[in-house]
Amino acid sequence: MVANVTKASLSPSQQKLLTEMQRINYGRIEGLPVRHGEPVMDPPPRIVREIKFSAENGPRAESAKADFALKAQVRELFAQLEALGDGVIPCIEIQRGLPFRMTVEEVCA
């Protein structure tokens, strides 16, 4: 995994997913289609936001920046989507604007 990947180097659909994760801050993205390793954001997947009491619930400050280096969790998410190729991600959990965990469905071997 390359360490110096930036927001500007992402495809438009990857940038849209990243921006959405930063907007959500805490919550999950459900039923995200993936085609050729790219997230499909049209139509938009289901978003479930969590509201944390006495905490910052607004968008992450990074969402206003045009470019920045991507955290390891974001790089790993996009590597997983690329490895998947085509399919649907049932759930991506978001914490502090970053992908925390995702579920995938597999066929029993």
PDB file of N, CA and C in Angstrom:
ATOM      1  N   MET A   1       0.839  -1.173   0.000  1.00  0.00           N
ATOM      2  CA  MET A   1       0.000   0.000   0.000  1.00  0.00           C
ATOM      3  C   MET A   1       0.891   1.246   0.000  1.00  0.00           C
ATOM      4  N   VAL A   2       0.663   2.170  -0.911  1.00  0.00           N
ATOM      5  CA  VAL A   2       1.462   3.381  -1.024  1.00  0.00           C
ATOM      6  C   VAL A   2       1.121   4.322   0.128  1.00  0.00           C
ATOM      7  N   ALA A   3       2.148   4.930   0.745  1.00  0.00           N
ATOM      8  CA  ALA A   3       1.931   5.765   1.931  1.00  0.00           C
ATOM      9  C   ALA A   3       1.574   7.207   1.592  1.00  0.00           C
ATOM     10  N   ASN A   4       1.975   7.725   0.436  1.00  0.00           N
ATOM     11  CA  ASN A   4       1.782   9.139   0.126  1.00  0.00           C
ATOM     12  C   ASN A   4       0.627   9.394  -0.829  1.00  0.00           C
ATOM     13  N   VAL A   5      -0.486   8.735  -0.636  1.00  0.00           N
ATOM     14  CA  VAL A   5      -1.662   8.949  -1.466  1.00  0.00           C
ATOM     15  C   VAL A   5      -2.418  10.145  -0.901  1.00  0.00           C
ATOM     16  N   THR A   6      -2.883  11.023  -1.797  1.00  0.00           N
ATOM     17  CA  THR A   6      -3.603  12.223  -1.364  1.00  0.00           C
ATOM     18  C   THR A   6      -5.029  12.204  -1.902  1.00  0.00           C
ATOM     19  N   LYS A   7      -5.849  13.064  -1.339  1.00  0.00           N
ATOM     20  CA  LYS A   7      -7.239  13.169  -1.782  1.00  0.00           C
ATOM     21  C   LYS A   7      -7.303  13.490  -3.277  1.00  0.00           C
ATOM     22  N   ALA A   8      -6.440  14.396  -3.738  1.00  0.00           N
ATOM     23  CA  ALA A   8      -6.460  14.814  -5.139  1.00  0.00           C
ATOM     24  C   ALA A   8      -6.120  13.671  -6.093  1.00  0.00           C
ATOM     25  N   SER A   9      -5.416  12.645  -5.599  1.00  0.00           N
ATOM     26  CA  SER A   9      -5.037  11.531  -6.473  1.00  0.00           C
ATOM     27  C   SER A   9      -6.155  10.504  -6.621  1.00  0.00           C
ATOM     28  N   LEU A  10      -7.234  10.647  -5.861  1.00  0.00           N
ATOM     29  CA  LEU A  10      -8.348   9.705  -5.926  1.00  0.00           C
ATOM     30  C   LEU A  10      -9.248   9.970  -7.125  1.00  0.00           C
ATOM     31  N   SER A  11      -9.962   8.938  -7.550  1.00  0.00           N
ATOM     32  CA  SER A  11     -10.958   9.107  -8.607  1.00  0.00           C
ATOM     33  C   SER A  11     -12.120   9.936  -8.052  1.00  0.00           C
ATOM     34  N   PRO A  12     -12.952  10.509  -8.925  1.00  0.00           N
ATOM     35  CA  PRO A  12     -14.104  11.285  -8.431  1.00  0.00           C
ATOM     36  C   PRO A  12     -15.026  10.489  -7.505  1.00  0.00           C
ATOM     37  N   SER A  13     -15.271   9.210  -7.802  1.00  0.00           N
ATOM     38  CA  SER A  13     -16.156   8.431  -6.934  1.00  0.00           C
ATOM     39  C   SER A  13     -15.490   8.138  -5.588  1.00  0.00           C
ATOM     40  N   GLN A  14     -14.190   7.919  -5.583  1.00  0.00           N
ATOM     41  CA  GLN A  14     -13.480   7.720  -4.319  1.00  0.00           C
ATOM     42  C   GLN A  14     -13.494   9.005  -3.488  1.00  0.00           C
ATOM     43  N   GLN A  15     -13.295  10.146  -4.151  1.00  0.00           N
ATOM     44  CA  GLN A  15     -13.345  11.428  -3.441  1.00  0.00           C
ATOM     45  C   GLN A  15     -14.725  11.660  -2.837  1.00  0.00           C
ATOM     46  N   LYS A  16     -15.765  11.292  -3.572  1.00  0.00           N
ATOM     47  CA  LYS A  16     -17.129  11.467  -3.070  1.00  0.00           C
ATOM     48  C   LYS A  16     -17.367  10.591  -1.842  1.00  0.00           C
ATOM     49  N   LEU A  17     -16.895   9.348  -1.869  1.00  0.00           N
ATOM     50  CA  LEU A  17     -17.029   8.462  -0.715  1.00  0.00           C
ATOM     51  C   LEU A  17     -16.251   9.022   0.474  1.00  0.00           C
ATOM     52  N   LEU A  18     -15.043   9.480   0.246  1.00  0.00           N
ATOM     53  CA  LEU A  18     -14.229  10.060   1.309  1.00  0.00           C
ATOM     54  C   LEU A  18     -14.927  11.268   1.930  1.00  0.00           C
ATOM     55  N   THR A  19     -15.446  12.156   1.102  1.00  0.00           N
ATOM     56  CA  THR A  19     -16.157  13.336   1.594  1.00  0.00           C
ATOM     57  C   THR A  19     -17.379  12.930   2.404  1.00  0.00           C
ATOM     58  N   GLU A  20     -18.087  11.911   1.953  1.00  0.00           N
ATOM     59  CA  GLU A  20     -19.267  11.446   2.672  1.00  0.00           C
ATOM     60  C   GLU A  20     -18.887  10.869   4.039  1.00  0.00           C
ATOM     61  N   MET A  21     -17.792  10.121   4.109  1.00  0.00           N
ATOM     62  CA  MET A  21     -17.341   9.587   5.396  1.00  0.00           C
ATOM     63  C   MET A  21     -16.988  10.715   6.359  1.00  0.00           C
ATOM     64  N   GLN A  22     -16.342  11.757   5.834  1.00  0.00           N
ATOM     65  CA  GLN A  22     -15.984  12.903   6.678  1.00  0.00           C
ATOM     66  C   GLN A  22     -17.226  13.667   7.132  1.00  0.00           C
ATOM     67  N   ARG A  23     -18.240  13.720   6.298  1.00  0.00           N
ATOM     68  CA  ARG A  23     -19.492  14.393   6.667  1.00  0.00           C
ATOM     69  C   ARG A  23     -20.221  13.601   7.744  1.00  0.00           C
ATOM     70  N   ILE A  24     -20.249  12.274   7.603  1.00  0.00           N
ATOM     71  CA  ILE A  24     -20.936  11.410   8.556  1.00  0.00           C
ATOM     72  C   ILE A  24     -20.280  11.505   9.935  1.00  0.00           C
ATOM     73  N   ASN A  25     -18.975  11.455   9.968  1.00  0.00           N
ATOM     74  CA  ASN A  25     -18.160  11.492  11.179  1.00  0.00           C
ATOM     75  C   ASN A  25     -18.338  10.205  11.994  1.00  0.00           C
ATOM     76  N   TYR A  26     -19.547   9.919  12.473  1.00  0.00           N
ATOM     77  CA  TYR A  26     -19.850   8.662  13.176  1.00  0.00           C
ATOM     78  C   TYR A  26     -21.095   8.054  12.548  1.00  0.00           C
ATOM     79  N   GLY A  27     -21.040   6.788  12.198  1.00  0.00           N
ATOM     80  CA  GLY A  27     -22.204   6.127  11.616  1.00  0.00           C
ATOM     81  C   GLY A  27     -21.783   5.012  10.691  1.00  0.00           C
ATOM     82  N   ARG A  28     -22.614   4.806   9.648  1.00  0.00           N
ATOM     83  CA  ARG A  28     -22.285   3.733   8.705  1.00  0.00           C
ATOM     84  C   ARG A  28     -22.890   4.017   7.327  1.00  0.00           C
ATOM     85  N   ILE A  29     -22.263   3.388   6.346  1.00  0.00           N
ATOM     86  CA  ILE A  29     -22.740   3.407   4.965  1.00  0.00           C
ATOM     87  C   ILE A  29     -23.177   1.986   4.667  1.00  0.00           C
ATOM     88  N   GLU A  30     -24.416   1.846   4.194  1.00  0.00           N
ATOM     89  CA  GLU A  30     -24.972   0.512   3.970  1.00  0.00           C
ATOM     90  C   GLU A  30     -25.300   0.294   2.493  1.00  0.00           C
ATOM     91  N   GLY A  31     -24.993  -0.902   2.009  1.00  0.00           N
ATOM     92  CA  GLY A  31     -25.349  -1.274   0.643  1.00  0.00           C
ATOM     93  C   GLY A  31     -24.581  -0.516  -0.416  1.00  0.00           C
ATOM     94  N   LEU A  32     -23.271  -0.372  -0.238  1.00  0.00           N
ATOM     95  CA  LEU A  32     -22.447   0.362  -1.197  1.00  0.00           C
ATOM     96  C   LEU A  32     -22.057  -0.542  -2.364  1.00  0.00           C
ATOM     97  N   PRO A  33     -22.565  -0.255  -3.568  1.00  0.00           N
ATOM     98  CA  PRO A  33     -22.137  -1.028  -4.732  1.00  0.00           C
ATOM     99  C   PRO A  33     -20.688  -0.690  -5.114  1.00  0.00           C
ATOM    100  N   VAL A  34     -19.986  -1.679  -5.614  1.00  0.00           N
ATOM    101  CA  VAL A  34     -18.610  -1.503  -6.085  1.00  0.00           C
ATOM    102  C   VAL A  34     -18.538  -2.086  -7.482  1.00  0.00           C
ATOM    103  N   ARG A  35     -18.053  -1.305  -8.431  1.00  0.00           N
ATOM    104  CA  ARG A  35     -17.892  -1.755  -9.818  1.00  0.00           C
ATOM    105  C   ARG A  35     -16.462  -1.483 -10.265  1.00  0.00           C
ATOM    106  N   HIS A  36     -15.792  -2.523 -10.698  1.00  0.00           N
ATOM    107  CA  HIS A  36     -14.397  -2.419 -11.145  1.00  0.00           C
ATOM    108  C   HIS A  36     -13.520  -1.783 -10.065  1.00  0.00           C
ATOM    109  N   GLY A  37     -13.802  -2.114  -8.791  1.00  0.00           N
ATOM    110  CA  GLY A  37     -13.010  -1.604  -7.680  1.00  0.00           C
ATOM    111  C   GLY A  37     -13.330  -0.196  -7.243  1.00  0.00           C
ATOM    112  N   GLU A  38     -14.326   0.413  -7.866  1.00  0.00           N
ATOM    113  CA  GLU A  38     -14.697   1.798  -7.560  1.00  0.00           C
ATOM    114  C   GLU A  38     -16.040   1.842  -6.837  1.00  0.00           C
ATOM    115  N   PRO A  39     -16.159   2.693  -5.803  1.00  0.00           N
ATOM    116  CA  PRO A  39     -17.461   2.840  -5.155  1.00  0.00           C
ATOM    117  C   PRO A  39     -18.454   3.503  -6.100  1.00  0.00           C
ATOM    118  N   VAL A  40     -19.692   3.039  -6.089  1.00  0.00           N
ATOM    119  CA  VAL A  40     -20.744   3.608  -6.927  1.00  0.00           C
ATOM    120  C   VAL A  40     -21.624   4.451  -6.001  1.00  0.00           C
ATOM    121  N   MET A  41     -21.598   5.767  -6.205  1.00  0.00           N
ATOM    122  CA  MET A  41     -22.303   6.689  -5.314  1.00  0.00           C
ATOM    123  C   MET A  41     -23.592   7.228  -5.926  1.00  0.00           C
ATOM    124  N   ASP A  42     -23.952   6.742  -7.110  1.00  0.00           N
ATOM    125  CA  ASP A  42     -25.190   7.187  -7.750  1.00  0.00           C
ATOM    126  C   ASP A  42     -25.946   5.963  -8.247  1.00  0.00           C
ATOM    127  N   PRO A  43     -27.058   5.601  -7.635  1.00  0.00           N
ATOM    128  CA  PRO A  43     -27.742   6.327  -6.575  1.00  0.00           C
ATOM    129  C   PRO A  43     -26.967   6.204  -5.265  1.00  0.00           C
ATOM    130  N   PRO A  44     -27.177   7.181  -4.360  1.00  0.00           N
ATOM    131  CA  PRO A  44     -26.415   7.161  -3.116  1.00  0.00           C
ATOM    132  C   PRO A  44     -26.770   5.962  -2.242  1.00  0.00           C
ATOM    133  N   PRO A  45     -25.759   5.407  -1.547  1.00  0.00           N
ATOM    134  CA  PRO A  45     -26.041   4.311  -0.617  1.00  0.00           C
ATOM    135  C   PRO A  45     -26.788   4.848   0.609  1.00  0.00           C
ATOM    136  N   ARG A  46     -27.296   3.942   1.430  1.00  0.00           N
ATOM    137  CA  ARG A  46     -28.004   4.333   2.656  1.00  0.00           C
ATOM    138  C   ARG A  46     -26.979   4.808   3.682  1.00  0.00           C
ATOM    139  N   ILE A  47     -27.272   5.953   4.313  1.00  0.00           N
ATOM    140  CA  ILE A  47     -26.404   6.532   5.330  1.00  0.00           C
ATOM    141  C   ILE A  47     -27.135   6.490   6.665  1.00  0.00           C
ATOM    142  N   VAL A  48     -26.465   6.008   7.699  1.00  0.00           N
ATOM    143  CA  VAL A  48     -27.007   6.027   9.057  1.00  0.00           C
ATOM    144  C   VAL A  48     -25.985   6.766   9.917  1.00  0.00           C
ATOM    145  N   ARG A  49     -26.343   7.976  10.377  1.00  0.00           N
ATOM    146  CA  ARG A  49     -25.454   8.762  11.222  1.00  0.00           C
ATOM    147  C   ARG A  49     -25.739   8.472  12.685  1.00  0.00           C
ATOM    148  N   GLU A  50     -24.682   8.448  13.476  1.00  0.00           N
ATOM    149  CA  GLU A  50     -24.812   8.334  14.922  1.00  0.00           C
ATOM    150  C   GLU A  50     -24.576   9.715  15.522  1.00  0.00           C
ATOM    151  N   ILE A  51     -25.390  10.071  16.495  1.00  0.00           N
ATOM    152  CA  ILE A  51     -25.217  11.327  17.208  1.00  0.00           C
ATOM    153  C   ILE A  51     -24.635  10.984  18.570  1.00  0.00           C
ATOM    154  N   LYS A  52     -23.455  11.519  18.866  1.00  0.00           N
ATOM    155  CA  LYS A  52     -22.811  11.274  20.152  1.00  0.00           C
ATOM    156  C   LYS A  52     -23.038  12.504  21.024  1.00  0.00           C
ATOM    157  N   PHE A  53     -23.652  12.312  22.164  1.00  0.00           N
ATOM    158  CA  PHE A  53     -23.931  13.416  23.070  1.00  0.00           C
ATOM    159  C   PHE A  53     -22.634  13.952  23.675  1.00  0.00           C
ATOM    160  N   SER A  54     -22.580  15.270  23.806  1.00  0.00           N
ATOM    161  CA  SER A  54     -21.400  15.971  24.337  1.00  0.00           C
ATOM    162  C   SER A  54     -20.158  15.671  23.500  1.00  0.00           C
ATOM    163  N   ALA A  55     -20.353  15.536  22.201  1.00  0.00           N
ATOM    164  CA  ALA A  55     -19.236  15.259  21.292  1.00  0.00           C
ATOM    165  C   ALA A  55     -19.418  16.074  20.017  1.00  0.00           C
ATOM    166  N   GLU A  56     -18.384  16.135  19.219  1.00  0.00           N
ATOM    167  CA  GLU A  56     -18.426  16.838  17.939  1.00  0.00           C
ATOM    168  C   GLU A  56     -19.145  15.956  16.921  1.00  0.00           C
ATOM    169  N   ASN A  57     -20.316  16.395  16.471  1.00  0.00           N
ATOM    170  CA  ASN A  57     -21.115  15.605  15.537  1.00  0.00           C
ATOM    171  C   ASN A  57     -21.103  16.151  14.117  1.00  0.00           C
ATOM    172  N   GLY A  58     -20.482  17.279  13.901  1.00  0.00           N
ATOM    173  CA  GLY A  58     -20.452  17.871  12.567  1.00  0.00           C
ATOM    174  C   GLY A  58     -19.419  17.216  11.681  1.00  0.00           C
ATOM    175  N   PRO A  59     -19.326  17.700  10.457  1.00  0.00           N
ATOM    176  CA  PRO A  59     -18.340  17.154   9.513  1.00  0.00           C
ATOM    177  C   PRO A  59     -16.911  17.365  10.031  1.00  0.00           C
ATOM    178  N   ARG A  60     -16.031  16.510   9.629  1.00  0.00           N
ATOM    179  CA  ARG A  60     -14.617  16.640   9.978  1.00  0.00           C
ATOM    180  C   ARG A  60     -14.037  17.892   9.318  1.00  0.00           C
ATOM    181  N   ALA A  61     -13.066  18.507   9.972  1.00  0.00           N
ATOM    182  CA  ALA A  61     -12.430  19.726   9.443  1.00  0.00           C
ATOM    183  C   ALA A  61     -11.759  19.459   8.095  1.00  0.00           C
ATOM    184  N   GLU A  62     -11.263  18.237   7.894  1.00  0.00           N
ATOM    185  CA  GLU A  62     -10.570  17.898   6.647  1.00  0.00           C
ATOM    186  C   GLU A  62     -11.483  17.996   5.431  1.00  0.00           C
ATOM    187  N   SER A  63     -12.788  17.872   5.638  1.00  0.00           N
ATOM    188  CA  SER A  63     -13.709  17.878   4.495  1.00  0.00           C
ATOM    189  C   SER A  63     -13.679  19.196   3.738  1.00  0.00           C
ATOM    190  N   ALA A  64     -13.220  20.268   4.361  1.00  0.00           N
ATOM    191  CA  ALA A  64     -13.134  21.567   3.697  1.00  0.00           C
ATOM    192  C   ALA A  64     -11.829  21.736   2.917  1.00  0.00           C
ATOM    193  N   LYS A  65     -10.885  20.841   3.115  1.00  0.00           N
ATOM    194  CA  LYS A  65      -9.588  20.950   2.439  1.00  0.00           C
ATOM    195  C   LYS A  65      -9.644  20.336   1.043  1.00  0.00           C
ATOM    196  N   ALA A  66      -8.976  20.991   0.104  1.00  0.00           N
ATOM    197  CA  ALA A  66      -8.935  20.484  -1.269  1.00  0.00           C
ATOM    198  C   ALA A  66      -8.049  19.252  -1.393  1.00  0.00           C
ATOM    199  N   ASP A  67      -6.977  19.196  -0.580  1.00  0.00           N
ATOM    200  CA  ASP A  67      -6.067  18.069  -0.684  1.00  0.00           C
ATOM    201  C   ASP A  67      -5.379  17.837   0.656  1.00  0.00           C
ATOM    202  N   PHE A  68      -5.076  16.600   0.935  1.00  0.00           N
ATOM    203  CA  PHE A  68      -4.350  16.192   2.133  1.00  0.00           C
ATOM    204  C   PHE A  68      -3.947  14.740   1.955  1.00  0.00           C
ATOM    205  N   ALA A  69      -2.954  14.293   2.734  1.00  0.00           N
ATOM    206  CA  ALA A  69      -2.522  12.900   2.696  1.00  0.00           C
ATOM    207  C   ALA A  69      -3.590  12.033   3.349  1.00  0.00           C
ATOM    208  N   LEU A  70      -3.843  10.882   2.754  1.00  0.00           N
ATOM    209  CA  LEU A  70      -4.865   9.974   3.273  1.00  0.00           C
ATOM    210  C   LEU A  70      -4.318   9.135   4.423  1.00  0.00           C
ATOM    211  N   LYS A  71      -5.139   8.935   5.431  1.00  0.00           N
ATOM    212  CA  LYS A  71      -4.782   8.076   6.557  1.00  0.00           C
ATOM    213  C   LYS A  71      -4.764   6.626   6.080  1.00  0.00           C
ATOM    214  N   ALA A  72      -4.056   5.795   6.835  1.00  0.00           N
ATOM    215  CA  ALA A  72      -3.901   4.376   6.482  1.00  0.00           C
ATOM    216  C   ALA A  72      -5.249   3.678   6.334  1.00  0.00           C
ATOM    217  N   GLN A  73      -6.228   4.023   7.186  1.00  0.00           N
ATOM    218  CA  GLN A  73      -7.536   3.363   7.125  1.00  0.00           C
ATOM    219  C   GLN A  73      -8.234   3.625   5.790  1.00  0.00           C
ATOM    220  N   VAL A  74      -8.099   4.839   5.278  1.00  0.00           N
ATOM    221  CA  VAL A  74      -8.722   5.187   3.996  1.00  0.00           C
ATOM    222  C   VAL A  74      -8.021   4.453   2.860  1.00  0.00           C
ATOM    223  N   ARG A  75      -6.692   4.424   2.898  1.00  0.00           N
ATOM    224  CA  ARG A  75      -5.947   3.701   1.861  1.00  0.00           C
ATOM    225  C   ARG A  75      -6.312   2.220   1.873  1.00  0.00           C
ATOM    226  N   GLU A  76      -6.459   1.643   3.069  1.00  0.00           N
ATOM    227  CA  GLU A  76      -6.813   0.228   3.170  1.00  0.00           C
ATOM    228  C   GLU A  76      -8.223  -0.033   2.652  1.00  0.00           C
ATOM    229  N   LEU A  77      -9.164   0.869   2.941  1.00  0.00           N
ATOM    230  CA  LEU A  77     -10.530   0.717   2.421  1.00  0.00           C
ATOM    231  C   LEU A  77     -10.507   0.664   0.897  1.00  0.00           C
ATOM    232  N   PHE A  78      -9.821   1.605   0.264  1.00  0.00           N
ATOM    233  CA  PHE A  78      -9.802   1.622  -1.201  1.00  0.00           C
ATOM    234  C   PHE A  78      -9.064   0.413  -1.769  1.00  0.00           C
ATOM    235  N   ALA A  79      -8.059  -0.093  -1.068  1.00  0.00           N
ATOM    236  CA  ALA A  79      -7.385  -1.328  -1.503  1.00  0.00           C
ATOM    237  C   ALA A  79      -8.351  -2.513  -1.425  1.00  0.00           C
ATOM    238  N   GLN A  80      -9.180  -2.563  -0.379  1.00  0.00           N
ATOM    239  CA  GLN A  80     -10.165  -3.637  -0.241  1.00  0.00           C
ATOM    240  C   GLN A  80     -11.212  -3.567  -1.355  1.00  0.00           C
ATOM    241  N   LEU A  81     -11.668  -2.346  -1.690  1.00  0.00           N
ATOM    242  CA  LEU A  81     -12.644  -2.191  -2.773  1.00  0.00           C
ATOM    243  C   LEU A  81     -12.050  -2.633  -4.100  1.00  0.00           C
ATOM    244  N   GLU A  82     -10.787  -2.277  -4.327  1.00  0.00           N
ATOM    245  CA  GLU A  82     -10.118  -2.686  -5.563  1.00  0.00           C
ATOM    246  C   GLU A  82      -9.994  -4.209  -5.629  1.00  0.00           C
ATOM    247  N   ALA A  83      -9.654  -4.831  -4.506  1.00  0.00           N
ATOM    248  CA  ALA A  83      -9.531  -6.291  -4.466  1.00  0.00           C
ATOM    249  C   ALA A  83     -10.883  -6.964  -4.685  1.00  0.00           C
ATOM    250  N   LEU A  84     -11.963  -6.352  -4.205  1.00  0.00           N
ATOM    251  CA  LEU A  84     -13.303  -6.904  -4.397  1.00  0.00           C
ATOM    252  C   LEU A  84     -13.684  -6.910  -5.866  1.00  0.00           C
ATOM    253  N   GLY A  85     -13.353  -5.830  -6.564  1.00  0.00           N
ATOM    254  CA  GLY A  85     -13.705  -5.728  -7.985  1.00  0.00           C
ATOM    255  C   GLY A  85     -15.147  -5.326  -8.179  1.00  0.00           C
ATOM    256  N   ASP A  86     -16.065  -6.290  -8.136  1.00  0.00           N
ATOM    257  CA  ASP A  86     -17.495  -6.040  -8.300  1.00  0.00           C
ATOM    258  C   ASP A  86     -18.247  -6.698  -7.155  1.00  0.00           C
ATOM    259  N   GLY A  87     -19.220  -5.970  -6.618  1.00  0.00           N
ATOM    260  CA  GLY A  87     -20.028  -6.521  -5.538  1.00  0.00           C
ATOM    261  C   GLY A  87     -20.743  -5.422  -4.781  1.00  0.00           C
ATOM    262  N   VAL A  88     -21.216  -5.758  -3.602  1.00  0.00           N
ATOM    263  CA  VAL A  88     -21.897  -4.803  -2.734  1.00  0.00           C
ATOM    264  C   VAL A  88     -21.317  -4.958  -1.336  1.00  0.00           C
ATOM    265  N   ILE A  89     -20.954  -3.852  -0.729  1.00  0.00           N
ATOM    266  CA  ILE A  89     -20.480  -3.845   0.646  1.00  0.00           C
ATOM    267  C   ILE A  89     -21.695  -3.634   1.545  1.00  0.00           C
ATOM    268  N   PRO A  90     -22.080  -4.626   2.342  1.00  0.00           N
ATOM    269  CA  PRO A  90     -23.259  -4.451   3.189  1.00  0.00           C
ATOM    270  C   PRO A  90     -23.134  -3.291   4.173  1.00  0.00           C
ATOM    271  N   CYS A  91     -21.925  -3.098   4.744  1.00  0.00           N
ATOM    272  CA  CYS A  91     -21.795  -2.050   5.754  1.00  0.00           C
ATOM    273  C   CYS A  91     -20.339  -1.599   5.898  1.00  0.00           C
ATOM    274  N   ILE A  92     -20.143  -0.276   5.930  1.00  0.00           N
ATOM    275  CA  ILE A  92     -18.865   0.324   6.294  1.00  0.00           C
ATOM    276  C   ILE A  92     -19.139   1.178   7.523  1.00  0.00           C
ATOM    277  N   GLU A  93     -18.504   0.847   8.633  1.00  0.00           N
ATOM    278  CA  GLU A  93     -18.662   1.629   9.852  1.00  0.00           C
ATOM    279  C   GLU A  93     -17.653   2.775   9.848  1.00  0.00           C
ATOM    280  N   ILE A  94     -18.130   3.953  10.232  1.00  0.00           N
ATOM    281  CA  ILE A  94     -17.317   5.172  10.225  1.00  0.00           C
ATOM    282  C   ILE A  94     -17.151   5.664  11.659  1.00  0.00           C
ATOM    283  N   GLN A  95     -15.917   5.945  12.053  1.00  0.00           N
ATOM    284  CA  GLN A  95     -15.637   6.546  13.357  1.00  0.00           C
ATOM    285  C   GLN A  95     -14.627   7.664  13.150  1.00  0.00           C
ATOM    286  N   ARG A  96     -14.958   8.856  13.654  1.00  0.00           N
ATOM    287  CA  ARG A  96     -14.117  10.052  13.505  1.00  0.00           C
ATOM    288  C   ARG A  96     -13.823  10.348  12.031  1.00  0.00           C
ATOM    289  N   GLY A  97     -14.799  10.065  11.172  1.00  0.00           N
ATOM    290  CA  GLY A  97     -14.671  10.347   9.750  1.00  0.00           C
ATOM    291  C   GLY A  97     -13.846   9.347   8.972  1.00  0.00           C
ATOM    292  N   LEU A  98     -13.405   8.284   9.633  1.00  0.00           N
ATOM    293  CA  LEU A  98     -12.554   7.271   9.000  1.00  0.00           C
ATOM    294  C   LEU A  98     -13.267   5.924   8.956  1.00  0.00           C
ATOM    295  N   PRO A  99     -12.977   5.126   7.929  1.00  0.00           N
ATOM    296  CA  PRO A  99     -13.536   3.774   7.911  1.00  0.00           C
ATOM    297  C   PRO A  99     -12.926   2.976   9.067  1.00  0.00           C
ATOM    298  N   PHE A 100     -13.777   2.353   9.852  1.00  0.00           N
ATOM    299  CA  PHE A 100     -13.330   1.602  11.019  1.00  0.00           C
ATOM    300  C   PHE A 100     -13.416   0.098  10.769  1.00  0.00           C
ATOM    301  N   ARG A 101     -14.529  -0.310  10.137  1.00  0.00           N
ATOM    302  CA  ARG A 101     -14.748  -1.732   9.894  1.00  0.00           C
ATOM    303  C   ARG A 101     -15.728  -1.857   8.734  1.00  0.00           C
ATOM    304  N   MET A 102     -15.603  -2.920   7.946  1.00  0.00           N
ATOM    305  CA  MET A 102     -16.597  -3.169   6.899  1.00  0.00           C
ATOM    306  C   MET A 102     -16.936  -4.643   6.894  1.00  0.00           C
ATOM    307  N   THR A 103     -18.146  -4.924   6.448  1.00  0.00           N
ATOM    308  CA  THR A 103     -18.574  -6.313   6.313  1.00  0.00           C
ATOM    309  C   THR A 103     -18.636  -6.648   4.832  1.00  0.00           C
ATOM    310  N   VAL A 104     -18.314  -7.887   4.525  1.00  0.00           N
ATOM    311  CA  VAL A 104     -18.426  -8.387   3.147  1.00  0.00           C
ATOM    312  C   VAL A 104     -19.141  -9.732   3.193  1.00  0.00           C
ATOM    313  N   GLU A 105     -19.875 -10.012   2.158  1.00  0.00           N
ATOM    314  CA  GLU A 105     -20.534 -11.303   2.039  1.00  0.00           C
ATOM    315  C   GLU A 105     -19.715 -12.165   1.099  1.00  0.00           C
ATOM    316  N   GLU A 106     -19.545 -13.428   1.483  1.00  0.00           N
ATOM    317  CA  GLU A 106     -18.795 -14.370   0.664  1.00  0.00           C
ATOM    318  C   GLU A 106     -19.592 -15.649   0.493  1.00  0.00           C
ATOM    319  N   VAL A 107     -19.310 -16.365  -0.565  1.00  0.00           N
ATOM    320  CA  VAL A 107     -19.922 -17.658  -0.810  1.00  0.00           C
ATOM    321  C   VAL A 107     -19.075 -18.714  -0.130  1.00  0.00           C
ATOM    322  N   CYS A 108     -19.725 -19.651   0.536  1.00  0.00           N
ATOM    323  CA  CYS A 108     -19.030 -20.739   1.216  1.00  0.00           C
ATOM    324  C   CYS A 108     -18.253 -21.567   0.195  1.00  0.00           C
ATOM    325  N   ALA A 109     -17.002 -21.851   0.518  1.00  0.00           N
ATOM    326  CA  ALA A 109     -16.140 -22.590  -0.416  1.00  0.00           C
ATOM    327  C   ALA A 109     -16.459 -24.058  -0.446  1.00  0.00           C
TER     328      ALA A 109
END
